[in-house]
Amino acid sequence: QVQLVESGGGLVQPGGSLRLSCAVSGGSIFSIDIMGWYRQAPGKQREQVAIISSSGRLNYPDSVKGRFTISRDNAKNAVYLQMDNLKPEDTAVYYCHQYMGPWGQGTQVTVSS
């Protein structure tokens, strides 16, 4: 059974950067078509942040386009989310997700001065 573990969250000032990692175990990411990052802020619904397919297709909502970059490393069995020019409204718990599969436990990202 595939398990996902996120890491890399923390406290950062506005304009700063963070890189989130999602370690995949119990299966090869090579065989997983779509992986994604989602986030959930207090009192809000979970929303998609970035999607990457096995063929390299990418999708971002307008709120993070140009600032966030998703990537996957089949050799390391991991998915990453590079977040640049962070804003206070990016504060949320970030989750890694296998399409139609499991979710990770989440990692907190707080953007504040």
N, C-alpha and C. Protein backbone atom coordinates (compact mmCIF):
# COMPACT_ATOMS: atom_id res chain seq x y z
N GLN A 1 0.84 -1.18 0.00
CA GLN A 1 0.00 0.00 0.00
C GLN A 1 0.89 1.25 0.00
N VAL A 2 0.59 2.16 -0.89
CA VAL A 2 1.39 3.37 -1.01
C VAL A 2 1.16 4.28 0.20
N GLN A 3 2.25 4.80 0.73
CA GLN A 3 2.18 5.78 1.80
C GLN A 3 2.97 7.02 1.39
N LEU A 4 2.47 8.19 1.81
CA LEU A 4 3.07 9.46 1.45
C LEU A 4 3.44 10.21 2.72
N VAL A 5 4.65 10.74 2.77
CA VAL A 5 5.10 11.50 3.94
C VAL A 5 5.68 12.82 3.47
N GLU A 6 5.06 13.91 3.89
CA GLU A 6 5.53 15.24 3.52
C GLU A 6 6.54 15.77 4.54
N SER A 7 7.41 16.65 4.06
CA SER A 7 8.36 17.34 4.93
C SER A 7 8.73 18.65 4.26
N GLY A 8 9.37 19.53 5.04
CA GLY A 8 9.88 20.77 4.49
C GLY A 8 9.09 22.01 4.84
N GLY A 9 7.99 21.84 5.56
CA GLY A 9 7.22 23.01 5.95
C GLY A 9 7.93 23.81 7.03
N GLY A 10 7.37 24.97 7.34
CA GLY A 10 7.95 25.80 8.39
C GLY A 10 7.43 27.21 8.32
N LEU A 11 8.12 28.08 9.06
CA LEU A 11 7.78 29.49 9.11
C LEU A 11 8.72 30.28 8.20
N VAL A 12 8.17 31.10 7.35
CA VAL A 12 8.98 31.88 6.41
C VAL A 12 8.37 33.28 6.28
N GLN A 13 9.22 34.25 6.02
CA GLN A 13 8.74 35.61 5.84
C GLN A 13 8.15 35.80 4.45
N PRO A 14 7.25 36.75 4.30
CA PRO A 14 6.72 37.05 2.96
C PRO A 14 7.85 37.33 1.98
N GLY A 15 7.72 36.76 0.78
CA GLY A 15 8.76 36.87 -0.22
C GLY A 15 9.79 35.77 -0.17
N GLY A 16 9.73 34.95 0.86
CA GLY A 16 10.68 33.87 1.01
C GLY A 16 10.31 32.63 0.23
N SER A 17 11.11 31.58 0.40
CA SER A 17 10.93 30.34 -0.34
C SER A 17 10.97 29.14 0.60
N LEU A 18 10.29 28.09 0.18
CA LEU A 18 10.34 26.80 0.85
C LEU A 18 10.25 25.71 -0.21
N ARG A 19 10.84 24.58 0.10
CA ARG A 19 10.73 23.43 -0.79
C ARG A 19 10.14 22.27 0.01
N LEU A 20 8.96 21.83 -0.40
CA LEU A 20 8.31 20.70 0.23
C LEU A 20 8.69 19.42 -0.49
N SER A 21 8.82 18.35 0.30
CA SER A 21 9.13 17.04 -0.26
C SER A 21 8.03 16.06 0.13
N CYS A 22 7.78 15.12 -0.77
CA CYS A 22 6.82 14.05 -0.51
C CYS A 22 7.51 12.74 -0.81
N ALA A 23 7.82 11.98 0.23
CA ALA A 23 8.46 10.68 0.07
C ALA A 23 7.39 9.62 -0.13
N VAL A 24 7.53 8.83 -1.18
CA VAL A 24 6.56 7.79 -1.51
C VAL A 24 7.15 6.43 -1.14
N SER A 25 6.41 5.65 -0.38
CA SER A 25 6.84 4.30 -0.02
C SER A 25 5.72 3.32 -0.29
N GLY A 26 6.07 2.04 -0.37
CA GLY A 26 5.07 1.01 -0.61
C GLY A 26 4.70 0.86 -2.08
N GLY A 27 5.40 1.54 -2.93
CA GLY A 27 5.12 1.45 -4.35
C GLY A 27 6.05 2.37 -5.12
N SER A 28 6.16 2.13 -6.40
CA SER A 28 7.03 2.95 -7.23
C SER A 28 6.26 4.11 -7.83
N ILE A 29 6.83 5.31 -7.65
CA ILE A 29 6.18 6.49 -8.22
C ILE A 29 6.17 6.41 -9.75
N PHE A 30 7.03 5.58 -10.30
CA PHE A 30 7.09 5.41 -11.76
C PHE A 30 5.76 4.92 -12.30
N SER A 31 5.05 4.12 -11.48
CA SER A 31 3.78 3.54 -11.92
C SER A 31 2.57 4.41 -11.57
N ILE A 32 2.81 5.54 -10.93
CA ILE A 32 1.73 6.44 -10.55
C ILE A 32 1.60 7.55 -11.58
N ASP A 33 0.42 7.69 -12.18
CA ASP A 33 0.25 8.68 -13.25
C ASP A 33 0.26 10.10 -12.71
N ILE A 34 -0.68 10.38 -11.82
CA ILE A 34 -0.86 11.77 -11.38
C ILE A 34 -0.58 11.92 -9.89
N MET A 35 0.30 12.85 -9.59
CA MET A 35 0.59 13.23 -8.21
C MET A 35 0.30 14.72 -8.07
N GLY A 36 -0.06 15.09 -6.85
CA GLY A 36 -0.37 16.51 -6.67
C GLY A 36 -0.11 16.99 -5.27
N TRP A 37 -0.10 18.30 -5.15
CA TRP A 37 -0.04 18.98 -3.87
C TRP A 37 -1.34 19.77 -3.68
N TYR A 38 -1.85 19.71 -2.47
CA TYR A 38 -3.06 20.43 -2.11
C TYR A 38 -2.77 21.19 -0.80
N ARG A 39 -3.63 22.12 -0.48
CA ARG A 39 -3.47 22.84 0.79
C ARG A 39 -4.83 23.15 1.40
N GLN A 40 -4.80 23.30 2.70
CA GLN A 40 -6.02 23.65 3.41
C GLN A 40 -5.70 24.66 4.50
N ALA A 41 -6.28 25.83 4.37
CA ALA A 41 -6.13 26.87 5.37
C ALA A 41 -7.26 26.76 6.39
N PRO A 42 -7.06 27.28 7.60
CA PRO A 42 -8.11 27.20 8.63
C PRO A 42 -9.43 27.80 8.14
N GLY A 43 -10.50 27.03 8.29
CA GLY A 43 -11.82 27.51 7.91
C GLY A 43 -12.10 27.48 6.43
N LYS A 44 -11.19 26.92 5.65
CA LYS A 44 -11.37 26.87 4.19
C LYS A 44 -11.33 25.44 3.69
N GLN A 45 -11.85 25.25 2.49
CA GLN A 45 -11.81 23.92 1.87
C GLN A 45 -10.42 23.63 1.34
N ARG A 46 -10.12 22.35 1.25
CA ARG A 46 -8.86 21.93 0.67
C ARG A 46 -8.87 22.30 -0.82
N GLU A 47 -7.75 22.83 -1.31
CA GLU A 47 -7.68 23.24 -2.71
C GLU A 47 -6.42 22.69 -3.36
N GLN A 48 -6.53 22.47 -4.67
CA GLN A 48 -5.40 21.99 -5.45
C GLN A 48 -4.38 23.10 -5.60
N VAL A 49 -3.11 22.72 -5.47
CA VAL A 49 -2.01 23.68 -5.62
C VAL A 49 -1.20 23.39 -6.88
N ALA A 50 -0.94 22.12 -7.13
CA ALA A 50 -0.14 21.76 -8.29
C ALA A 50 -0.35 20.28 -8.61
N ILE A 51 -0.33 19.98 -9.90
CA ILE A 51 -0.52 18.62 -10.37
C ILE A 51 0.57 18.31 -11.38
N ILE A 52 1.10 17.07 -11.34
CA ILE A 52 2.06 16.63 -12.33
C ILE A 52 1.72 15.20 -12.75
N SER A 53 1.75 14.96 -14.04
CA SER A 53 1.48 13.62 -14.54
C SER A 53 2.79 12.91 -14.86
N SER A 54 2.70 11.62 -15.12
CA SER A 54 3.89 10.85 -15.44
C SER A 54 4.52 11.30 -16.75
N SER A 55 3.73 11.93 -17.61
CA SER A 55 4.26 12.42 -18.88
C SER A 55 4.80 13.83 -18.76
N GLY A 56 4.69 14.41 -17.57
CA GLY A 56 5.22 15.75 -17.34
C GLY A 56 4.24 16.88 -17.48
N ARG A 57 2.98 16.56 -17.72
CA ARG A 57 1.98 17.63 -17.80
C ARG A 57 1.82 18.27 -16.43
N LEU A 58 1.73 19.59 -16.43
CA LEU A 58 1.63 20.35 -15.19
C LEU A 58 0.35 21.16 -15.17
N ASN A 59 -0.14 21.41 -13.97
CA ASN A 59 -1.31 22.26 -13.83
C ASN A 59 -1.24 23.00 -12.50
N TYR A 60 -1.46 24.31 -12.58
CA TYR A 60 -1.46 25.17 -11.39
C TYR A 60 -2.66 26.10 -11.42
N PRO A 61 -3.22 26.40 -10.27
CA PRO A 61 -4.25 27.44 -10.23
C PRO A 61 -3.58 28.81 -10.39
N ASP A 62 -4.37 29.79 -10.78
CA ASP A 62 -3.82 31.13 -11.00
C ASP A 62 -3.18 31.70 -9.74
N SER A 63 -3.66 31.29 -8.57
CA SER A 63 -3.17 31.86 -7.32
C SER A 63 -1.70 31.55 -7.06
N VAL A 64 -1.16 30.48 -7.66
CA VAL A 64 0.24 30.13 -7.41
C VAL A 64 1.07 30.07 -8.69
N LYS A 65 0.42 30.23 -9.84
CA LYS A 65 1.13 30.13 -11.12
C LYS A 65 2.26 31.15 -11.18
N GLY A 66 3.43 30.69 -11.58
CA GLY A 66 4.59 31.57 -11.66
C GLY A 66 5.39 31.64 -10.37
N ARG A 67 4.83 31.12 -9.30
CA ARG A 67 5.53 31.14 -8.00
C ARG A 67 5.85 29.74 -7.50
N PHE A 68 5.00 28.77 -7.80
CA PHE A 68 5.18 27.40 -7.33
C PHE A 68 5.58 26.51 -8.51
N THR A 69 6.43 25.52 -8.22
CA THR A 69 6.84 24.57 -9.24
C THR A 69 6.82 23.16 -8.66
N ILE A 70 6.07 22.28 -9.30
CA ILE A 70 6.02 20.88 -8.88
C ILE A 70 6.96 20.07 -9.75
N SER A 71 7.58 19.08 -9.13
CA SER A 71 8.46 18.19 -9.89
C SER A 71 8.40 16.80 -9.26
N ARG A 72 8.84 15.82 -10.01
CA ARG A 72 8.88 14.45 -9.50
C ARG A 72 10.19 13.82 -9.88
N ASP A 73 10.71 13.00 -8.99
CA ASP A 73 11.97 12.30 -9.21
C ASP A 73 11.70 10.82 -9.07
N ASN A 74 11.60 10.13 -10.20
CA ASN A 74 11.29 8.70 -10.17
C ASN A 74 12.39 7.91 -9.48
N ALA A 75 13.62 8.34 -9.63
CA ALA A 75 14.74 7.62 -9.03
C ALA A 75 14.71 7.69 -7.51
N LYS A 76 14.27 8.83 -6.99
CA LYS A 76 14.19 9.01 -5.54
C LYS A 76 12.80 8.71 -4.99
N ASN A 77 11.88 8.35 -5.89
CA ASN A 77 10.51 8.03 -5.46
C ASN A 77 9.92 9.18 -4.65
N ALA A 78 10.00 10.38 -5.21
CA ALA A 78 9.57 11.56 -4.47
C ALA A 78 8.96 12.60 -5.39
N VAL A 79 8.15 13.45 -4.78
CA VAL A 79 7.55 14.59 -5.46
C VAL A 79 7.89 15.83 -4.65
N TYR A 80 8.15 16.93 -5.35
CA TYR A 80 8.58 18.14 -4.68
C TYR A 80 7.68 19.32 -5.06
N LEU A 81 7.64 20.30 -4.18
CA LEU A 81 6.95 21.55 -4.47
C LEU A 81 7.87 22.69 -4.06
N GLN A 82 8.41 23.39 -5.06
CA GLN A 82 9.22 24.57 -4.80
C GLN A 82 8.29 25.77 -4.76
N MET A 83 8.33 26.49 -3.64
CA MET A 83 7.45 27.64 -3.45
C MET A 83 8.29 28.89 -3.28
N ASP A 84 8.14 29.82 -4.20
CA ASP A 84 8.89 31.08 -4.17
C ASP A 84 7.94 32.25 -4.01
N ASN A 85 8.50 33.38 -3.58
CA ASN A 85 7.72 34.60 -3.40
C ASN A 85 6.45 34.32 -2.59
N LEU A 86 6.64 33.66 -1.46
CA LEU A 86 5.50 33.26 -0.64
C LEU A 86 4.77 34.46 -0.07
N LYS A 87 3.45 34.30 0.05
CA LYS A 87 2.59 35.36 0.56
C LYS A 87 1.86 34.86 1.81
N PRO A 88 1.40 35.77 2.66
CA PRO A 88 0.67 35.33 3.86
C PRO A 88 -0.53 34.44 3.53
N GLU A 89 -1.16 34.67 2.39
CA GLU A 89 -2.31 33.86 2.01
C GLU A 89 -1.94 32.45 1.58
N ASP A 90 -0.65 32.16 1.50
CA ASP A 90 -0.20 30.79 1.22
C ASP A 90 -0.14 29.95 2.49
N THR A 91 -0.37 30.57 3.63
CA THR A 91 -0.35 29.84 4.90
C THR A 91 -1.43 28.77 4.91
N ALA A 92 -1.01 27.53 5.17
CA ALA A 92 -1.94 26.40 5.14
C ALA A 92 -1.17 25.13 5.50
N VAL A 93 -1.92 24.05 5.68
CA VAL A 93 -1.32 22.73 5.75
C VAL A 93 -1.28 22.19 4.32
N TYR A 94 -0.11 21.75 3.91
CA TYR A 94 0.09 21.26 2.55
C TYR A 94 0.14 19.74 2.55
N TYR A 95 -0.60 19.15 1.61
CA TYR A 95 -0.72 17.71 1.52
C TYR A 95 -0.26 17.20 0.17
N CYS A 96 0.40 16.06 0.20
CA CYS A 96 0.75 15.34 -1.00
C CYS A 96 -0.36 14.31 -1.28
N HIS A 97 -0.66 14.07 -2.54
CA HIS A 97 -1.79 13.19 -2.86
C HIS A 97 -1.53 12.43 -4.14
N GLN A 98 -1.81 11.15 -4.08
CA GLN A 98 -1.80 10.32 -5.28
C GLN A 98 -3.23 10.32 -5.83
N TYR A 99 -3.41 10.65 -7.07
CA TYR A 99 -4.74 10.73 -7.67
C TYR A 99 -5.51 9.44 -7.44
N MET A 100 -6.68 9.58 -6.84
CA MET A 100 -7.55 8.44 -6.48
C MET A 100 -6.85 7.48 -5.52
N GLY A 101 -5.92 8.01 -4.74
CA GLY A 101 -5.19 7.19 -3.80
C GLY A 101 -5.03 7.89 -2.46
N PRO A 102 -3.97 7.56 -1.75
CA PRO A 102 -3.81 8.08 -0.40
C PRO A 102 -3.35 9.54 -0.33
N TRP A 103 -3.51 10.09 0.87
CA TRP A 103 -3.02 11.42 1.19
C TRP A 103 -1.92 11.28 2.23
N GLY A 104 -1.03 12.25 2.24
CA GLY A 104 -0.05 12.32 3.31
C GLY A 104 -0.69 12.96 4.54
N GLN A 105 0.12 13.09 5.60
CA GLN A 105 -0.41 13.64 6.86
C GLN A 105 -0.39 15.16 6.87
N GLY A 106 0.35 15.75 5.93
CA GLY A 106 0.39 17.20 5.82
C GLY A 106 1.59 17.82 6.51
N THR A 107 1.98 18.97 6.01
CA THR A 107 3.06 19.74 6.62
C THR A 107 2.64 21.20 6.65
N GLN A 108 2.86 21.85 7.79
CA GLN A 108 2.39 23.22 7.99
C GLN A 108 3.35 24.21 7.34
N VAL A 109 2.78 25.13 6.58
CA VAL A 109 3.52 26.25 6.01
C VAL A 109 2.89 27.54 6.54
N THR A 110 3.72 28.36 7.19
CA THR A 110 3.25 29.62 7.73
C THR A 110 4.08 30.76 7.15
N VAL A 111 3.41 31.70 6.52
CA VAL A 111 4.09 32.85 5.92
C VAL A 111 3.70 34.08 6.73
N SER A 112 4.67 34.61 7.45
CA SER A 112 4.39 35.72 8.35
C SER A 112 5.66 36.48 8.66
N SER A 113 5.51 37.78 8.87
CA SER A 113 6.66 38.59 9.27
C SER A 113 6.71 38.70 10.79
